[in-house]
Amino acid sequence: MDFFVTGTDTGVGKTYVTALLLRALASMGGKVAGYKPVVCGDRRDVAVLHDASSVEVTADEINPLWLMTPASPAAAAVIENRILDRSVLCAGYHALENRCDHVLVEGAGGWEVPLGPDGATMADLAEDLALPVIVVVDNRLGALNHTLLTVAAIRDRKMECRGIILNHTGDERDVASVSNRQILESYSEVPILLEILHGEDALDPRSLDFLTK
């Protein structure tokens, strides 16, 4: 099964989490690939997804649209005079889909990051792909508001939010990072799929039923 991986913001660890999921799926014998349709700035995330993919795939297949300006895709496309065609991005996904058991599509930034001059956002691309959505959250103070808003926005589009992955981006634990899970389970109406500790370099494949059912 394929998924769209979004985040509550940029820098929450979407690529790190996506790569962990890909490696765990590959360890079970699956043909897997990461897909990051739009990149703004450097291409380090593409290299991480490339290394985590188990099929032969090029950087351009993982990332068909590379905008070198570190800004939102909408702003970067205007600055670089580039056309952002969602149909091309969807075609890139389907090309990988036909070769893989699992493709994990990673969005850029958060759910409603502006994508083009026509008013489209990253959420419109996710809707085009019609994939269930996983939300990656930086488990810290302030995460509750961002998470609840993101989950609500996904469901407002009548899309499936498969669940939330809490990613601990730092070693230190505070009251918020300990209590966020309980609060989100009470308020979000979607499950907490995983809680990933800082520096974790592998996931137990047995914990990934949500990816294969």
N, C-alpha and C. Protein backbone atom coordinates (compact mmCIF):
# COMPACT_ATOMS: atom_id res chain seq x y z
N MET A 1 0.84 -1.19 0.00
CA MET A 1 0.00 0.00 0.00
C MET A 1 0.88 1.24 0.00
N ASP A 2 0.41 2.31 -0.63
CA ASP A 2 1.16 3.56 -0.72
C ASP A 2 0.52 4.62 0.18
N PHE A 3 1.35 5.59 0.58
CA PHE A 3 0.88 6.63 1.49
C PHE A 3 1.47 7.98 1.10
N PHE A 4 0.77 9.03 1.49
CA PHE A 4 1.28 10.40 1.39
C PHE A 4 1.71 10.81 2.80
N VAL A 5 2.97 11.20 2.94
CA VAL A 5 3.51 11.60 4.25
C VAL A 5 3.58 13.12 4.31
N THR A 6 2.80 13.69 5.19
CA THR A 6 2.84 15.14 5.39
C THR A 6 3.36 15.43 6.79
N GLY A 7 3.53 16.71 7.08
CA GLY A 7 4.01 17.11 8.40
C GLY A 7 3.24 18.31 8.90
N THR A 8 3.39 18.58 10.17
CA THR A 8 2.73 19.75 10.74
C THR A 8 3.48 21.04 10.40
N ASP A 9 4.68 20.90 9.82
CA ASP A 9 5.50 22.07 9.49
C ASP A 9 6.70 21.53 8.72
N THR A 10 7.55 22.44 8.25
CA THR A 10 8.83 22.02 7.72
C THR A 10 9.77 21.72 8.88
N GLY A 11 10.72 20.82 8.67
CA GLY A 11 11.70 20.52 9.71
C GLY A 11 11.21 19.63 10.82
N VAL A 12 10.10 18.90 10.60
CA VAL A 12 9.58 18.03 11.67
C VAL A 12 10.13 16.60 11.55
N GLY A 13 10.90 16.33 10.50
CA GLY A 13 11.50 15.01 10.33
C GLY A 13 10.78 14.10 9.36
N LYS A 14 10.07 14.68 8.38
CA LYS A 14 9.33 13.85 7.42
C LYS A 14 10.26 12.90 6.66
N THR A 15 11.38 13.42 6.19
CA THR A 15 12.29 12.58 5.40
C THR A 15 12.91 11.49 6.27
N TYR A 16 13.31 11.84 7.46
CA TYR A 16 13.89 10.88 8.41
C TYR A 16 12.90 9.75 8.69
N VAL A 17 11.66 10.11 8.97
CA VAL A 17 10.64 9.11 9.27
C VAL A 17 10.32 8.28 8.03
N THR A 18 10.18 8.93 6.89
CA THR A 18 9.88 8.21 5.65
C THR A 18 10.97 7.19 5.33
N ALA A 19 12.22 7.58 5.51
CA ALA A 19 13.33 6.66 5.25
C ALA A 19 13.30 5.47 6.20
N LEU A 20 12.99 5.70 7.46
CA LEU A 20 12.87 4.59 8.42
C LEU A 20 11.76 3.62 7.99
N LEU A 21 10.64 4.16 7.56
CA LEU A 21 9.54 3.31 7.12
C LEU A 21 9.93 2.51 5.88
N LEU A 22 10.61 3.16 4.94
CA LEU A 22 11.03 2.48 3.71
C LEU A 22 11.98 1.32 4.03
N ARG A 23 12.94 1.58 4.90
CA ARG A 23 13.91 0.52 5.23
C ARG A 23 13.23 -0.65 5.93
N ALA A 24 12.29 -0.36 6.79
CA ALA A 24 11.58 -1.43 7.48
C ALA A 24 10.76 -2.26 6.48
N LEU A 25 10.10 -1.60 5.54
CA LEU A 25 9.34 -2.32 4.52
C LEU A 25 10.27 -3.15 3.64
N ALA A 26 11.42 -2.59 3.29
CA ALA A 26 12.38 -3.31 2.46
C ALA A 26 12.91 -4.54 3.18
N SER A 27 13.06 -4.45 4.51
CA SER A 27 13.57 -5.58 5.28
C SER A 27 12.62 -6.76 5.26
N MET A 28 11.36 -6.51 4.91
CA MET A 28 10.38 -7.58 4.79
C MET A 28 10.30 -8.12 3.37
N GLY A 29 11.22 -7.66 2.53
CA GLY A 29 11.29 -8.17 1.17
C GLY A 29 10.52 -7.37 0.14
N GLY A 30 10.01 -6.21 0.53
CA GLY A 30 9.22 -5.42 -0.40
C GLY A 30 10.07 -4.59 -1.34
N LYS A 31 9.53 -4.35 -2.53
CA LYS A 31 10.13 -3.39 -3.47
C LYS A 31 9.56 -2.02 -3.12
N VAL A 32 10.41 -1.14 -2.60
CA VAL A 32 9.92 0.13 -2.07
C VAL A 32 10.70 1.29 -2.66
N ALA A 33 10.04 2.43 -2.71
CA ALA A 33 10.71 3.66 -3.18
C ALA A 33 10.10 4.86 -2.49
N GLY A 34 10.92 5.84 -2.24
CA GLY A 34 10.45 7.13 -1.78
C GLY A 34 10.22 8.03 -2.96
N TYR A 35 9.26 8.94 -2.83
CA TYR A 35 8.94 9.88 -3.90
C TYR A 35 8.71 11.24 -3.28
N LYS A 36 9.54 12.21 -3.67
CA LYS A 36 9.38 13.58 -3.18
C LYS A 36 9.17 14.47 -4.40
N PRO A 37 7.93 14.66 -4.81
CA PRO A 37 7.67 15.31 -6.09
C PRO A 37 8.25 16.71 -6.23
N VAL A 38 8.28 17.47 -5.13
CA VAL A 38 8.79 18.85 -5.19
C VAL A 38 9.84 19.05 -4.11
N VAL A 39 10.98 19.58 -4.51
CA VAL A 39 12.03 19.95 -3.56
C VAL A 39 12.41 21.40 -3.82
N CYS A 40 12.54 22.17 -2.75
CA CYS A 40 12.98 23.56 -2.84
C CYS A 40 14.26 23.70 -2.02
N GLY A 41 15.32 24.16 -2.67
CA GLY A 41 16.61 24.28 -1.99
C GLY A 41 17.51 23.10 -2.35
N ASP A 42 18.30 22.64 -1.40
CA ASP A 42 19.22 21.53 -1.72
C ASP A 42 18.44 20.22 -1.82
N ARG A 43 19.15 19.21 -2.31
CA ARG A 43 18.51 17.92 -2.59
C ARG A 43 18.93 16.83 -1.60
N ARG A 44 19.27 17.22 -0.38
CA ARG A 44 19.70 16.22 0.60
C ARG A 44 18.61 15.21 0.91
N ASP A 45 17.37 15.67 0.98
CA ASP A 45 16.27 14.75 1.26
C ASP A 45 16.15 13.68 0.18
N VAL A 46 16.41 14.06 -1.05
CA VAL A 46 16.33 13.10 -2.15
C VAL A 46 17.38 12.01 -1.99
N ALA A 47 18.58 12.41 -1.57
CA ALA A 47 19.64 11.42 -1.35
C ALA A 47 19.26 10.44 -0.25
N VAL A 48 18.61 10.93 0.81
CA VAL A 48 18.18 10.06 1.90
C VAL A 48 17.14 9.06 1.41
N LEU A 49 16.16 9.54 0.65
CA LEU A 49 15.12 8.65 0.13
C LEU A 49 15.69 7.66 -0.88
N HIS A 50 16.65 8.11 -1.66
CA HIS A 50 17.32 7.22 -2.63
C HIS A 50 18.00 6.07 -1.91
N ASP A 51 18.72 6.38 -0.85
CA ASP A 51 19.44 5.35 -0.10
C ASP A 51 18.48 4.37 0.57
N ALA A 52 17.28 4.84 0.93
CA ALA A 52 16.32 3.99 1.63
C ALA A 52 15.45 3.17 0.68
N SER A 53 15.49 3.48 -0.62
CA SER A 53 14.68 2.75 -1.60
C SER A 53 15.36 1.44 -1.96
N SER A 54 14.56 0.41 -2.22
CA SER A 54 15.13 -0.91 -2.52
C SER A 54 15.09 -1.25 -4.01
N VAL A 55 14.57 -0.36 -4.84
CA VAL A 55 14.59 -0.56 -6.28
C VAL A 55 15.56 0.45 -6.90
N GLU A 56 16.04 0.12 -8.08
CA GLU A 56 16.92 1.06 -8.77
C GLU A 56 16.10 2.24 -9.24
N VAL A 57 16.49 3.41 -8.78
CA VAL A 57 15.73 4.61 -9.10
C VAL A 57 16.69 5.79 -9.11
N THR A 58 16.48 6.72 -10.01
CA THR A 58 17.35 7.89 -10.11
C THR A 58 16.82 9.02 -9.23
N ALA A 59 17.68 10.01 -9.01
CA ALA A 59 17.26 11.17 -8.23
C ALA A 59 16.11 11.89 -8.91
N ASP A 60 16.12 11.95 -10.23
CA ASP A 60 15.06 12.65 -10.95
C ASP A 60 13.74 11.87 -10.92
N GLU A 61 13.81 10.55 -10.79
CA GLU A 61 12.58 9.77 -10.64
C GLU A 61 11.98 9.97 -9.26
N ILE A 62 12.85 10.09 -8.25
CA ILE A 62 12.37 10.37 -6.89
C ILE A 62 11.84 11.79 -6.80
N ASN A 63 12.49 12.71 -7.49
CA ASN A 63 12.16 14.13 -7.38
C ASN A 63 12.13 14.78 -8.76
N PRO A 64 10.96 14.75 -9.42
CA PRO A 64 10.88 15.30 -10.78
C PRO A 64 10.95 16.82 -10.86
N LEU A 65 10.63 17.52 -9.78
CA LEU A 65 10.67 18.99 -9.82
C LEU A 65 11.60 19.50 -8.72
N TRP A 66 12.75 20.00 -9.14
CA TRP A 66 13.74 20.54 -8.20
C TRP A 66 13.84 22.04 -8.42
N LEU A 67 13.38 22.78 -7.44
CA LEU A 67 13.48 24.23 -7.43
C LEU A 67 14.60 24.61 -6.47
N MET A 68 15.58 25.31 -6.96
CA MET A 68 16.78 25.55 -6.16
C MET A 68 16.60 26.65 -5.12
N THR A 69 15.53 27.43 -5.21
CA THR A 69 15.30 28.51 -4.27
C THR A 69 14.68 27.96 -2.97
N PRO A 70 15.30 28.22 -1.83
CA PRO A 70 14.75 27.71 -0.56
C PRO A 70 13.57 28.55 -0.09
N ALA A 71 12.42 28.29 -0.69
CA ALA A 71 11.18 29.01 -0.37
C ALA A 71 10.03 28.05 -0.61
N SER A 72 8.80 28.53 -0.47
CA SER A 72 7.67 27.67 -0.79
C SER A 72 7.72 27.34 -2.28
N PRO A 73 7.14 26.20 -2.70
CA PRO A 73 7.13 25.88 -4.13
C PRO A 73 6.51 26.99 -4.99
N ALA A 74 5.45 27.61 -4.50
CA ALA A 74 4.81 28.68 -5.27
C ALA A 74 5.76 29.85 -5.49
N ALA A 75 6.45 30.26 -4.43
CA ALA A 75 7.39 31.38 -4.55
C ALA A 75 8.60 31.00 -5.39
N ALA A 76 9.14 29.82 -5.15
CA ALA A 76 10.34 29.38 -5.89
C ALA A 76 10.05 29.26 -7.38
N ALA A 77 8.86 28.77 -7.74
CA ALA A 77 8.51 28.63 -9.15
C ALA A 77 8.43 29.99 -9.84
N VAL A 78 7.89 30.98 -9.14
CA VAL A 78 7.81 32.33 -9.71
C VAL A 78 9.21 32.91 -9.87
N ILE A 79 10.03 32.78 -8.84
CA ILE A 79 11.40 33.32 -8.88
C ILE A 79 12.21 32.70 -10.02
N GLU A 80 12.04 31.41 -10.24
CA GLU A 80 12.82 30.70 -11.25
C GLU A 80 12.11 30.59 -12.60
N ASN A 81 10.93 31.21 -12.68
CA ASN A 81 10.15 31.18 -13.92
C ASN A 81 9.90 29.75 -14.39
N ARG A 82 9.46 28.92 -13.46
CA ARG A 82 9.19 27.52 -13.75
C ARG A 82 7.69 27.26 -13.68
N ILE A 83 7.23 26.32 -14.46
CA ILE A 83 5.83 25.93 -14.45
C ILE A 83 5.68 24.69 -13.57
N LEU A 84 4.75 24.74 -12.64
CA LEU A 84 4.51 23.62 -11.75
C LEU A 84 3.24 22.92 -12.22
N ASP A 85 3.42 21.78 -12.84
CA ASP A 85 2.31 21.03 -13.44
C ASP A 85 2.02 19.80 -12.56
N ARG A 86 0.89 19.80 -11.87
CA ARG A 86 0.59 18.69 -10.96
C ARG A 86 0.41 17.37 -11.71
N SER A 87 -0.02 17.42 -12.95
CA SER A 87 -0.20 16.18 -13.71
C SER A 87 1.14 15.49 -13.94
N VAL A 88 2.19 16.26 -14.11
CA VAL A 88 3.54 15.68 -14.28
C VAL A 88 3.98 15.03 -12.97
N LEU A 89 3.69 15.68 -11.86
CA LEU A 89 4.06 15.12 -10.56
C LEU A 89 3.28 13.84 -10.28
N CYS A 90 2.03 13.80 -10.66
CA CYS A 90 1.23 12.58 -10.49
C CYS A 90 1.76 11.47 -11.39
N ALA A 91 2.14 11.81 -12.61
CA ALA A 91 2.68 10.80 -13.53
C ALA A 91 3.96 10.19 -12.98
N GLY A 92 4.79 11.01 -12.33
CA GLY A 92 6.01 10.49 -11.72
C GLY A 92 5.71 9.48 -10.64
N TYR A 93 4.68 9.75 -9.86
CA TYR A 93 4.28 8.78 -8.84
C TYR A 93 3.80 7.48 -9.47
N HIS A 94 2.95 7.57 -10.47
CA HIS A 94 2.39 6.36 -11.07
C HIS A 94 3.47 5.51 -11.74
N ALA A 95 4.51 6.16 -12.27
CA ALA A 95 5.61 5.40 -12.85
C ALA A 95 6.31 4.55 -11.80
N LEU A 96 6.49 5.10 -10.61
CA LEU A 96 7.09 4.33 -9.52
C LEU A 96 6.12 3.29 -8.98
N GLU A 97 4.87 3.67 -8.89
CA GLU A 97 3.84 2.76 -8.37
C GLU A 97 3.82 1.45 -9.15
N ASN A 98 4.02 1.55 -10.45
CA ASN A 98 3.97 0.35 -11.30
C ASN A 98 5.15 -0.58 -11.10
N ARG A 99 6.22 -0.08 -10.42
CA ARG A 99 7.43 -0.89 -10.22
C ARG A 99 7.60 -1.35 -8.79
N CYS A 100 6.76 -0.89 -7.90
CA CYS A 100 7.00 -1.10 -6.47
C CYS A 100 5.80 -1.72 -5.76
N ASP A 101 6.10 -2.35 -4.64
CA ASP A 101 5.05 -2.81 -3.73
C ASP A 101 4.54 -1.65 -2.87
N HIS A 102 5.46 -0.75 -2.52
CA HIS A 102 5.12 0.38 -1.67
C HIS A 102 5.86 1.63 -2.16
N VAL A 103 5.13 2.72 -2.32
CA VAL A 103 5.73 4.03 -2.58
C VAL A 103 5.26 4.97 -1.47
N LEU A 104 6.20 5.62 -0.82
CA LEU A 104 5.86 6.62 0.18
C LEU A 104 6.14 7.99 -0.41
N VAL A 105 5.10 8.78 -0.56
CA VAL A 105 5.20 10.11 -1.16
C VAL A 105 5.36 11.13 -0.06
N GLU A 106 6.43 11.88 -0.09
CA GLU A 106 6.68 12.88 0.94
C GLU A 106 6.38 14.28 0.41
N GLY A 107 5.51 14.97 1.08
CA GLY A 107 5.21 16.34 0.70
C GLY A 107 6.33 17.29 1.09
N ALA A 108 6.23 18.52 0.63
CA ALA A 108 7.19 19.57 1.00
C ALA A 108 6.52 20.47 2.04
N GLY A 109 7.21 20.69 3.16
CA GLY A 109 6.64 21.54 4.20
C GLY A 109 5.42 20.89 4.83
N GLY A 110 4.42 21.72 5.15
CA GLY A 110 3.21 21.23 5.79
C GLY A 110 2.10 20.96 4.79
N TRP A 111 0.92 20.65 5.30
CA TRP A 111 -0.20 20.20 4.48
C TRP A 111 -0.66 21.24 3.47
N GLU A 112 -0.74 22.50 3.86
CA GLU A 112 -1.29 23.53 2.97
C GLU A 112 -0.20 24.47 2.43
N VAL A 113 1.00 23.98 2.25
CA VAL A 113 2.06 24.81 1.67
C VAL A 113 1.65 25.22 0.24
N PRO A 114 1.72 26.51 -0.10
CA PRO A 114 1.36 26.96 -1.45
C PRO A 114 2.21 26.27 -2.52
N LEU A 115 1.52 25.78 -3.55
CA LEU A 115 2.19 24.96 -4.55
C LEU A 115 2.32 25.65 -5.90
N GLY A 116 1.40 26.54 -6.22
CA GLY A 116 1.49 27.15 -7.54
C GLY A 116 0.68 28.42 -7.64
N PRO A 117 0.86 29.16 -8.74
CA PRO A 117 0.18 30.45 -8.92
C PRO A 117 -1.33 30.32 -9.08
N ASP A 118 -1.82 29.09 -9.31
CA ASP A 118 -3.27 28.90 -9.47
C ASP A 118 -3.98 28.75 -8.13
N GLY A 119 -3.25 28.94 -7.02
CA GLY A 119 -3.84 28.83 -5.71
C GLY A 119 -3.80 27.43 -5.13
N ALA A 120 -3.21 26.49 -5.85
CA ALA A 120 -3.12 25.12 -5.36
C ALA A 120 -2.13 25.04 -4.20
N THR A 121 -2.34 24.04 -3.35
CA THR A 121 -1.42 23.77 -2.25
C THR A 121 -0.97 22.31 -2.32
N MET A 122 -0.06 21.95 -1.42
CA MET A 122 0.40 20.57 -1.36
C MET A 122 -0.76 19.62 -1.11
N ALA A 123 -1.78 20.08 -0.40
CA ALA A 123 -2.96 19.26 -0.15
C ALA A 123 -3.69 18.90 -1.44
N ASP A 124 -3.68 19.79 -2.42
CA ASP A 124 -4.32 19.49 -3.70
C ASP A 124 -3.57 18.36 -4.41
N LEU A 125 -2.26 18.37 -4.33
CA LEU A 125 -1.49 17.27 -4.92
C LEU A 125 -1.80 15.96 -4.21
N ALA A 126 -1.87 16.00 -2.89
CA ALA A 126 -2.21 14.79 -2.14
C ALA A 126 -3.59 14.29 -2.54
N GLU A 127 -4.52 15.21 -2.76
CA GLU A 127 -5.87 14.81 -3.17
C GLU A 127 -5.86 14.21 -4.57
N ASP A 128 -5.04 14.77 -5.46
CA ASP A 128 -4.89 14.21 -6.81
C ASP A 128 -4.42 12.75 -6.73
N LEU A 129 -3.49 12.48 -5.84
CA LEU A 129 -2.92 11.13 -5.73
C LEU A 129 -3.87 10.17 -5.03
N ALA A 130 -4.80 10.71 -4.24
CA ALA A 130 -5.83 9.91 -3.57
C ALA A 130 -5.24 8.82 -2.69
N LEU A 131 -4.21 9.18 -1.94
CA LEU A 131 -3.56 8.23 -1.04
C LEU A 131 -3.95 8.53 0.41
N PRO A 132 -4.01 7.50 1.26
CA PRO A 132 -4.16 7.77 2.69
C PRO A 132 -2.96 8.56 3.20
N VAL A 133 -3.19 9.36 4.22
CA VAL A 133 -2.19 10.32 4.68
C VAL A 133 -1.68 9.94 6.07
N ILE A 134 -0.37 10.07 6.23
CA ILE A 134 0.28 9.93 7.53
C ILE A 134 0.83 11.29 7.92
N VAL A 135 0.59 11.71 9.15
CA VAL A 135 1.05 13.02 9.63
C VAL A 135 2.24 12.84 10.57
N VAL A 136 3.37 13.44 10.21
CA VAL A 136 4.55 13.42 11.07
C VAL A 136 4.57 14.69 11.91
N VAL A 137 4.77 14.49 13.21
CA VAL A 137 4.69 15.59 14.18
C VAL A 137 6.00 15.68 14.95
N ASP A 138 6.55 16.88 15.04
CA ASP A 138 7.68 17.12 15.95
C ASP A 138 7.09 17.17 17.36
N ASN A 139 7.39 16.15 18.16
CA ASN A 139 6.74 16.02 19.47
C ASN A 139 7.36 16.99 20.48
N ARG A 140 6.77 18.15 20.54
CA ARG A 140 7.28 19.22 21.40
C ARG A 140 6.12 20.09 21.85
N LEU A 141 6.44 21.08 22.68
CA LEU A 141 5.45 22.07 23.07
C LEU A 141 4.95 22.80 21.83
N GLY A 142 3.65 22.92 21.67
CA GLY A 142 3.05 23.58 20.51
C GLY A 142 2.58 22.61 19.44
N ALA A 143 2.90 21.32 19.60
CA ALA A 143 2.55 20.35 18.58
C ALA A 143 1.05 20.08 18.51
N LEU A 144 0.35 20.24 19.62
CA LEU A 144 -1.07 19.87 19.65
C LEU A 144 -1.89 20.69 18.66
N ASN A 145 -1.74 21.99 18.69
CA ASN A 145 -2.50 22.86 17.81
C ASN A 145 -2.22 22.53 16.35
N HIS A 146 -0.93 22.45 15.98
CA HIS A 146 -0.56 22.18 14.59
C HIS A 146 -1.11 20.83 14.14
N THR A 147 -1.05 19.83 15.01
CA THR A 147 -1.49 18.49 14.65
C THR A 147 -2.99 18.42 14.46
N LEU A 148 -3.73 18.98 15.40
CA LEU A 148 -5.19 18.94 15.31
C LEU A 148 -5.69 19.70 14.08
N LEU A 149 -5.07 20.83 13.77
CA LEU A 149 -5.45 21.59 12.58
C LEU A 149 -5.15 20.80 11.31
N THR A 150 -4.01 20.14 11.27
CA THR A 150 -3.63 19.36 10.09
C THR A 150 -4.57 18.19 9.88
N VAL A 151 -4.84 17.45 10.94
CA VAL A 151 -5.75 16.30 10.83
C VAL A 151 -7.14 16.77 10.39
N ALA A 152 -7.61 17.87 10.94
CA ALA A 152 -8.92 18.39 10.57
C ALA A 152 -8.95 18.81 9.10
N ALA A 153 -7.88 19.42 8.62
CA ALA A 153 -7.82 19.85 7.22
C ALA A 153 -7.84 18.65 6.27
N ILE A 154 -7.16 17.58 6.66
CA ILE A 154 -7.16 16.37 5.84
C ILE A 154 -8.57 15.79 5.76
N ARG A 155 -9.23 15.72 6.88
CA ARG A 155 -10.57 15.11 6.92
C ARG A 155 -11.62 16.01 6.27
N ASP A 156 -11.38 17.33 6.27
CA ASP A 156 -12.28 18.25 5.59
C ASP A 156 -12.31 17.98 4.08
N ARG A 157 -11.22 17.43 3.56
CA ARG A 157 -11.16 17.07 2.14
C ARG A 157 -11.70 15.66 1.88
N LYS A 158 -12.28 15.05 2.90
CA LYS A 158 -12.83 13.70 2.80
C LYS A 158 -11.74 12.69 2.47
N MET A 159 -10.52 12.96 2.93
CA MET A 159 -9.42 12.05 2.72
C MET A 159 -9.16 11.26 4.00
N GLU A 160 -8.55 10.09 3.84
CA GLU A 160 -8.26 9.26 4.99
C GLU A 160 -6.96 9.70 5.65
N CYS A 161 -7.01 10.03 6.92
CA CYS A 161 -5.81 10.24 7.71
C CYS A 161 -5.56 8.93 8.45
N ARG A 162 -4.55 8.18 7.99
CA ARG A 162 -4.30 6.87 8.59
C ARG A 162 -3.84 7.01 10.05
N GLY A 163 -3.12 8.11 10.36
CA GLY A 163 -2.71 8.31 11.73
C GLY A 163 -1.53 9.25 11.85
N ILE A 164 -1.02 9.34 13.07
CA ILE A 164 0.01 10.30 13.44
C ILE A 164 1.27 9.55 13.87
N ILE A 165 2.42 10.05 13.45
CA ILE A 165 3.70 9.56 13.95
C ILE A 165 4.35 10.68 14.75
N LEU A 166 4.58 10.43 16.03
CA LEU A 166 5.25 11.40 16.89
C LEU A 166 6.75 11.19 16.78
N ASN A 167 7.46 12.21 16.33
CA ASN A 167 8.90 12.14 16.12
C ASN A 167 9.60 13.02 17.14
N HIS A 168 10.44 12.42 17.96
CA HIS A 168 11.19 13.19 18.96
C HIS A 168 12.48 13.69 18.30
N THR A 169 12.50 14.97 17.95
CA THR A 169 13.65 15.52 17.25
C THR A 169 14.80 15.89 18.18
N GLY A 170 14.58 15.83 19.49
CA GLY A 170 15.64 16.13 20.46
C GLY A 170 15.71 15.06 21.53
N ASP A 171 16.85 15.00 22.21
CA ASP A 171 17.05 13.99 23.27
C ASP A 171 16.21 14.28 24.51
N GLU A 172 16.08 15.55 24.85
CA GLU A 172 15.43 15.92 26.11
C GLU A 172 13.92 15.70 26.03
N ARG A 173 13.36 15.20 27.12
CA ARG A 173 11.91 15.03 27.23
C ARG A 173 11.38 16.04 28.23
N ASP A 174 10.31 16.72 27.86
CA ASP A 174 9.66 17.64 28.77
C ASP A 174 8.21 17.21 28.96
N VAL A 175 7.47 17.98 29.74
CA VAL A 175 6.08 17.61 30.04
C VAL A 175 5.26 17.48 28.76
N ALA A 176 5.45 18.41 27.82
CA ALA A 176 4.67 18.39 26.58
C ALA A 176 4.94 17.13 25.77
N SER A 177 6.21 16.76 25.62
CA SER A 177 6.54 15.61 24.78
C SER A 177 6.04 14.31 25.40
N VAL A 178 5.88 14.29 26.71
CA VAL A 178 5.35 13.10 27.40
C VAL A 178 3.83 13.06 27.33
N SER A 179 3.19 14.21 27.45
CA SER A 179 1.72 14.24 27.54
C SER A 179 1.03 14.38 26.18
N ASN A 180 1.76 14.79 25.13
CA ASN A 180 1.12 15.03 23.83
C ASN A 180 0.38 13.80 23.30
N ARG A 181 0.97 12.63 23.48
CA ARG A 181 0.33 11.43 22.94
C ARG A 181 -1.07 11.23 23.53
N GLN A 182 -1.16 11.31 24.83
CA GLN A 182 -2.45 11.09 25.49
C GLN A 182 -3.48 12.11 25.04
N ILE A 183 -3.07 13.37 24.95
CA ILE A 183 -4.01 14.43 24.55
C ILE A 183 -4.46 14.21 23.11
N LEU A 184 -3.51 13.87 22.21
CA LEU A 184 -3.88 13.67 20.82
C LEU A 184 -4.79 12.47 20.64
N GLU A 185 -4.55 11.44 21.40
CA GLU A 185 -5.43 10.27 21.32
C GLU A 185 -6.85 10.62 21.76
N SER A 186 -6.97 11.59 22.65
CA SER A 186 -8.29 12.00 23.13
C SER A 186 -9.00 12.93 22.17
N TYR A 187 -8.23 13.77 21.45
CA TYR A 187 -8.83 14.84 20.67
C TYR A 187 -8.83 14.62 19.16
N SER A 188 -7.91 13.82 18.62
CA SER A 188 -7.72 13.80 17.17
C SER A 188 -8.61 12.80 16.45
N GLU A 189 -9.09 11.76 17.13
CA GLU A 189 -9.91 10.71 16.53
C GLU A 189 -9.17 9.91 15.46
N VAL A 190 -7.85 10.02 15.40
CA VAL A 190 -7.03 9.14 14.56
C VAL A 190 -5.94 8.56 15.46
N PRO A 191 -5.44 7.38 15.12
CA PRO A 191 -4.48 6.72 16.02
C PRO A 191 -3.08 7.30 15.97
N ILE A 192 -2.35 7.13 17.07
CA ILE A 192 -0.91 7.36 17.06
C ILE A 192 -0.28 6.07 16.55
N LEU A 193 0.33 6.14 15.39
CA LEU A 193 0.87 4.94 14.75
C LEU A 193 2.20 4.50 15.34
N LEU A 194 3.07 5.48 15.59
CA LEU A 194 4.40 5.22 16.11
C LEU A 194 4.86 6.41 16.93
N GLU A 195 5.78 6.14 17.83
CA GLU A 195 6.49 7.20 18.54
C GLU A 195 7.97 6.90 18.34
N ILE A 196 8.65 7.77 17.59
CA ILE A 196 10.04 7.53 17.21
C ILE A 196 10.96 8.39 18.07
N LEU A 197 11.88 7.73 18.75
CA LEU A 197 12.81 8.43 19.62
C LEU A 197 13.94 9.07 18.83
N HIS A 198 14.52 10.11 19.40
CA HIS A 198 15.62 10.81 18.74
C HIS A 198 16.79 9.86 18.49
N GLY A 199 17.27 9.84 17.24
CA GLY A 199 18.42 9.01 16.91
C GLY A 199 18.08 7.57 16.57
N GLU A 200 16.82 7.20 16.62
CA GLU A 200 16.43 5.83 16.29
C GLU A 200 16.79 5.54 14.82
N ASP A 201 17.48 4.44 14.58
CA ASP A 201 17.95 4.18 13.22
C ASP A 201 17.30 2.97 12.56
N ALA A 202 16.35 2.34 13.22
CA ALA A 202 15.63 1.21 12.63
C ALA A 202 14.30 1.04 13.34
N LEU A 203 13.32 0.55 12.60
CA LEU A 203 12.00 0.27 13.16
C LEU A 203 11.74 -1.22 13.11
N ASP A 204 11.00 -1.71 14.08
CA ASP A 204 10.59 -3.11 14.10
C ASP A 204 9.50 -3.29 13.05
N PRO A 205 9.74 -4.10 12.03
CA PRO A 205 8.72 -4.29 10.99
C PRO A 205 7.38 -4.76 11.55
N ARG A 206 7.40 -5.42 12.71
CA ARG A 206 6.16 -5.90 13.29
C ARG A 206 5.25 -4.76 13.76
N SER A 207 5.82 -3.55 13.86
CA SER A 207 5.02 -2.39 14.29
C SER A 207 4.40 -1.65 13.11
N LEU A 208 4.55 -2.19 11.91
CA LEU A 208 4.15 -1.46 10.71
C LEU A 208 2.93 -2.05 10.01
N ASP A 209 2.05 -2.69 10.76
CA ASP A 209 0.82 -3.24 10.17
C ASP A 209 0.03 -2.17 9.43
N PHE A 210 0.10 -0.94 9.92
CA PHE A 210 -0.70 0.14 9.31
C PHE A 210 -0.25 0.44 7.88
N LEU A 211 0.95 0.02 7.51
CA LEU A 211 1.45 0.26 6.14
C LEU A 211 1.06 -0.85 5.17
N THR A 212 0.72 -2.00 5.68
CA THR A 212 0.53 -3.15 4.81
C THR A 212 -0.91 -3.64 4.75
N LYS A 213 -1.82 -3.01 5.51
CA LYS A 213 -3.21 -3.45 5.51
C LYS A 213 -4.12 -2.38 4.91
